[in-house]
Amino acid sequence: MSKRLLTVLDPKGQPSGVFGRVLDLSNPHAILDPEGQPTTNLESFEQYKMADRLDTLEGKTVYLVETGFAGAADFMKEVQGWFEREMPSVKTVLRSKAGNMFTDDPELLREIAEHGDAAIIGVGG
């Protein structure tokens, strides 16, 4: 009987590496343990703090970003419809994020920073 090691991805951690362990691609036989999540402390999240709240959304541009998660596009269309009915002065821009829900989309983030005042990034459900 031959011994064989398999790579096991951490089902509780985030592939972004914010939580959990990052897969070491140089080791094709790594086995990752899903226990003990998260593996970081609150101080390390300081760089990820939320943006300051706007005083108002009136006359602003809000990006509605769907992440590719099942139901996200439909959910964001519903959010866009709410803004059209309830806050017609708010311009909404519906976008789909490139890649999957766990990866960054630097081009889209630059667009939002340049043309938007706020963003709602949703996963749906």
C-alpha atoms as a PDB file:
ATOM      1  CA  MET A   1       0.000   0.000   0.000  1.00  0.00           C
ATOM      2  CA  SER A   2       1.488   3.348  -1.029  1.00  0.00           C
ATOM      3  CA  LYS A   3       1.238   6.410   1.168  1.00  0.00           C
ATOM      4  CA  ARG A   4      -0.339   9.407  -0.479  1.00  0.00           C
ATOM      5  CA  LEU A   5      -0.757  12.914   0.925  1.00  0.00           C
ATOM      6  CA  LEU A   6      -3.554  15.137  -0.321  1.00  0.00           C
ATOM      7  CA  THR A   7      -3.963  18.902  -0.222  1.00  0.00           C
ATOM      8  CA  VAL A   8      -7.002  19.797   1.879  1.00  0.00           C
ATOM      9  CA  LEU A   9      -8.375  23.316   1.717  1.00  0.00           C
ATOM     10  CA  ASP A  10      -9.591  24.930   4.924  1.00  0.00           C
ATOM     11  CA  PRO A  11     -13.430  24.891   4.702  1.00  0.00           C
ATOM     12  CA  LYS A  12     -13.887  27.413   7.525  1.00  0.00           C
ATOM     13  CA  GLY A  13     -11.174  29.887   6.533  1.00  0.00           C
ATOM     14  CA  GLN A  14     -11.355  32.513   3.853  1.00  0.00           C
ATOM     15  CA  PRO A  15      -9.232  31.980   0.737  1.00  0.00           C
ATOM     16  CA  SER A  16      -8.283  35.664   0.968  1.00  0.00           C
ATOM     17  CA  GLY A  17      -6.117  34.795   3.971  1.00  0.00           C
ATOM     18  CA  VAL A  18      -7.825  37.301   6.274  1.00  0.00           C
ATOM     19  CA  PHE A  19      -9.126  34.364   8.308  1.00  0.00           C
ATOM     20  CA  GLY A  20      -7.592  30.954   8.485  1.00  0.00           C
ATOM     21  CA  ARG A  21      -4.473  29.742   6.806  1.00  0.00           C
ATOM     22  CA  VAL A  22      -3.202  30.603   3.371  1.00  0.00           C
ATOM     23  CA  LEU A  23      -2.502  27.636   1.123  1.00  0.00           C
ATOM     24  CA  ASP A  24       1.231  27.210   0.578  1.00  0.00           C
ATOM     25  CA  LEU A  25       1.352  26.619  -3.161  1.00  0.00           C
ATOM     26  CA  SER A  26       5.001  25.587  -2.960  1.00  0.00           C
ATOM     27  CA  ASN A  27       4.004  22.497  -0.957  1.00  0.00           C
ATOM     28  CA  PRO A  28       1.718  20.286  -3.079  1.00  0.00           C
ATOM     29  CA  HIS A  29       1.217  17.917  -0.114  1.00  0.00           C
ATOM     30  CA  ALA A  30       0.048  20.440   2.512  1.00  0.00           C
ATOM     31  CA  ILE A  31      -2.762  19.397   4.826  1.00  0.00           C
ATOM     32  CA  LEU A  32      -4.526  22.323   6.461  1.00  0.00           C
ATOM     33  CA  ASP A  33      -6.413  22.124   9.744  1.00  0.00           C
ATOM     34  CA  PRO A  34      -9.790  23.959   9.785  1.00  0.00           C
ATOM     35  CA  GLU A  35      -9.923  24.306  13.579  1.00  0.00           C
ATOM     36  CA  GLY A  36      -9.212  27.436  15.572  1.00  0.00           C
ATOM     37  CA  GLN A  37     -10.760  30.106  13.338  1.00  0.00           C
ATOM     38  CA  PRO A  38      -9.982  32.976  13.080  1.00  0.00           C
ATOM     39  CA  THR A  39      -6.215  32.908  13.457  1.00  0.00           C
ATOM     40  CA  THR A  40      -5.669  36.656  13.676  1.00  0.00           C
ATOM     41  CA  ASN A  41      -6.294  39.384  16.254  1.00  0.00           C
ATOM     42  CA  LEU A  42      -8.422  42.540  16.157  1.00  0.00           C
ATOM     43  CA  GLU A  43      -5.429  44.866  15.797  1.00  0.00           C
ATOM     44  CA  SER A  44      -4.573  43.328  12.429  1.00  0.00           C
ATOM     45  CA  PHE A  45      -8.041  44.337  11.145  1.00  0.00           C
ATOM     46  CA  GLU A  46      -7.398  48.066  11.638  1.00  0.00           C
ATOM     47  CA  GLN A  47      -6.489  48.432   7.959  1.00  0.00           C
ATOM     48  CA  TYR A  48      -9.879  46.939   7.013  1.00  0.00           C
ATOM     49  CA  LYS A  49     -12.067  49.381   8.957  1.00  0.00           C
ATOM     50  CA  MET A  50     -15.204  50.621   7.266  1.00  0.00           C
ATOM     51  CA  ALA A  51     -15.284  54.012   5.576  1.00  0.00           C
ATOM     52  CA  ASP A  52     -16.799  56.950   7.419  1.00  0.00           C
ATOM     53  CA  ARG A  53     -20.562  57.277   7.054  1.00  0.00           C
ATOM     54  CA  LEU A  54     -21.820  59.898   4.585  1.00  0.00           C
ATOM     55  CA  ASP A  55     -24.074  62.638   5.960  1.00  0.00           C
ATOM     56  CA  THR A  56     -26.578  61.942   3.191  1.00  0.00           C
ATOM     57  CA  LEU A  57     -27.018  59.865   0.049  1.00  0.00           C
ATOM     58  CA  GLU A  58     -29.049  62.601  -1.664  1.00  0.00           C
ATOM     59  CA  GLY A  59     -27.453  63.381  -5.026  1.00  0.00           C
ATOM     60  CA  LYS A  60     -24.730  60.763  -4.514  1.00  0.00           C
ATOM     61  CA  THR A  61     -23.648  57.819  -6.658  1.00  0.00           C
ATOM     62  CA  VAL A  62     -23.904  54.410  -4.986  1.00  0.00           C
ATOM     63  CA  TYR A  63     -22.299  51.379  -6.591  1.00  0.00           C
ATOM     64  CA  LEU A  64     -24.213  48.127  -6.095  1.00  0.00           C
ATOM     65  CA  VAL A  65     -21.724  45.296  -6.495  1.00  0.00           C
ATOM     66  CA  GLU A  66     -22.752  41.680  -6.797  1.00  0.00           C
ATOM     67  CA  THR A  67     -20.063  39.183  -5.939  1.00  0.00           C
ATOM     68  CA  GLY A  68     -21.080  36.156  -7.981  1.00  0.00           C
ATOM     69  CA  PHE A  69     -22.658  34.388  -5.013  1.00  0.00           C
ATOM     70  CA  ALA A  70     -25.938  32.681  -5.887  1.00  0.00           C
ATOM     71  CA  GLY A  71     -28.753  35.230  -5.739  1.00  0.00           C
ATOM     72  CA  ALA A  72     -26.480  38.272  -5.448  1.00  0.00           C
ATOM     73  CA  ALA A  73     -27.369  39.765  -8.850  1.00  0.00           C
ATOM     74  CA  ASP A  74     -31.114  39.490  -8.196  1.00  0.00           C
ATOM     75  CA  PHE A  75     -30.685  40.952  -4.715  1.00  0.00           C
ATOM     76  CA  MET A  76     -28.733  43.954  -6.036  1.00  0.00           C
ATOM     77  CA  LYS A  77     -31.399  44.565  -8.705  1.00  0.00           C
ATOM     78  CA  GLU A  78     -33.971  44.672  -5.893  1.00  0.00           C
ATOM     79  CA  VAL A  79     -31.796  47.155  -3.971  1.00  0.00           C
ATOM     80  CA  GLN A  80     -31.500  49.263  -7.129  1.00  0.00           C
ATOM     81  CA  GLY A  81     -35.303  49.222  -7.516  1.00  0.00           C
ATOM     82  CA  TRP A  82     -35.707  50.363  -3.904  1.00  0.00           C
ATOM     83  CA  PHE A  83     -33.407  53.328  -4.518  1.00  0.00           C
ATOM     84  CA  GLU A  84     -35.324  54.241  -7.702  1.00  0.00           C
ATOM     85  CA  ARG A  85     -38.633  54.224  -5.795  1.00  0.00           C
ATOM     86  CA  GLU A  86     -37.598  55.616  -2.421  1.00  0.00           C
ATOM     87  CA  MET A  87     -34.569  57.835  -3.135  1.00  0.00           C
ATOM     88  CA  PRO A  88     -34.732  58.855  -6.816  1.00  0.00           C
ATOM     89  CA  SER A  89     -31.987  61.492  -6.410  1.00  0.00           C
ATOM     90  CA  VAL A  90     -29.467  58.711  -5.707  1.00  0.00           C
ATOM     91  CA  LYS A  91     -27.743  57.420  -8.827  1.00  0.00           C
ATOM     92  CA  THR A  92     -27.087  53.674  -8.629  1.00  0.00           C
ATOM     93  CA  VAL A  93     -24.545  51.805 -10.713  1.00  0.00           C
ATOM     94  CA  LEU A  94     -24.956  48.020 -10.823  1.00  0.00           C
ATOM     95  CA  ARG A  95     -21.714  46.082 -11.337  1.00  0.00           C
ATOM     96  CA  SER A  96     -20.597  42.468 -11.181  1.00  0.00           C
ATOM     97  CA  LYS A  97     -17.262  41.815  -9.509  1.00  0.00           C
ATOM     98  CA  ALA A  98     -14.685  39.945 -11.581  1.00  0.00           C
ATOM     99  CA  GLY A  99     -13.421  36.630 -10.274  1.00  0.00           C
ATOM    100  CA  ASN A 100     -15.170  34.936  -7.400  1.00  0.00           C
ATOM    101  CA  MET A 101     -16.556  36.244  -4.123  1.00  0.00           C
ATOM    102  CA  PHE A 102     -13.242  35.680  -2.309  1.00  0.00           C
ATOM    103  CA  THR A 103     -10.966  37.618  -4.654  1.00  0.00           C
ATOM    104  CA  ASP A 104     -10.363  41.333  -5.113  1.00  0.00           C
ATOM    105  CA  ASP A 105     -11.245  43.240  -8.262  1.00  0.00           C
ATOM    106  CA  PRO A 106      -8.754  46.150  -8.247  1.00  0.00           C
ATOM    107  CA  GLU A 107     -10.096  47.652 -11.487  1.00  0.00           C
ATOM    108  CA  LEU A 108     -13.633  47.838 -10.096  1.00  0.00           C
ATOM    109  CA  LEU A 109     -12.375  49.263  -6.786  1.00  0.00           C
ATOM    110  CA  ARG A 110     -10.548  52.015  -8.707  1.00  0.00           C
ATOM    111  CA  GLU A 111     -13.729  52.790 -10.671  1.00  0.00           C
ATOM    112  CA  ILE A 112     -15.753  53.053  -7.470  1.00  0.00           C
ATOM    113  CA  ALA A 113     -13.131  55.278  -5.828  1.00  0.00           C
ATOM    114  CA  GLU A 114     -13.046  57.558  -8.883  1.00  0.00           C
ATOM    115  CA  HIS A 115     -16.757  57.782  -9.737  1.00  0.00           C
ATOM    116  CA  GLY A 116     -18.697  56.652  -6.664  1.00  0.00           C
ATOM    117  CA  ASP A 117     -19.546  58.107  -3.289  1.00  0.00           C
ATOM    118  CA  ALA A 118     -20.510  54.803  -1.654  1.00  0.00           C
ATOM    119  CA  ALA A 119     -20.744  51.104  -2.418  1.00  0.00           C
ATOM    120  CA  ILE A 120     -22.917  48.253  -1.261  1.00  0.00           C
ATOM    121  CA  ILE A 121     -21.192  44.943  -1.846  1.00  0.00           C
ATOM    122  CA  GLY A 122     -23.579  42.043  -1.450  1.00  0.00           C
ATOM    123  CA  VAL A 123     -23.487  38.307  -1.430  1.00  0.00           C
ATOM    124  CA  GLY A 124     -27.192  37.626  -1.933  1.00  0.00           C
ATOM    125  CA  GLY A 125     -28.761  34.466  -0.697  1.00  0.00           C
END
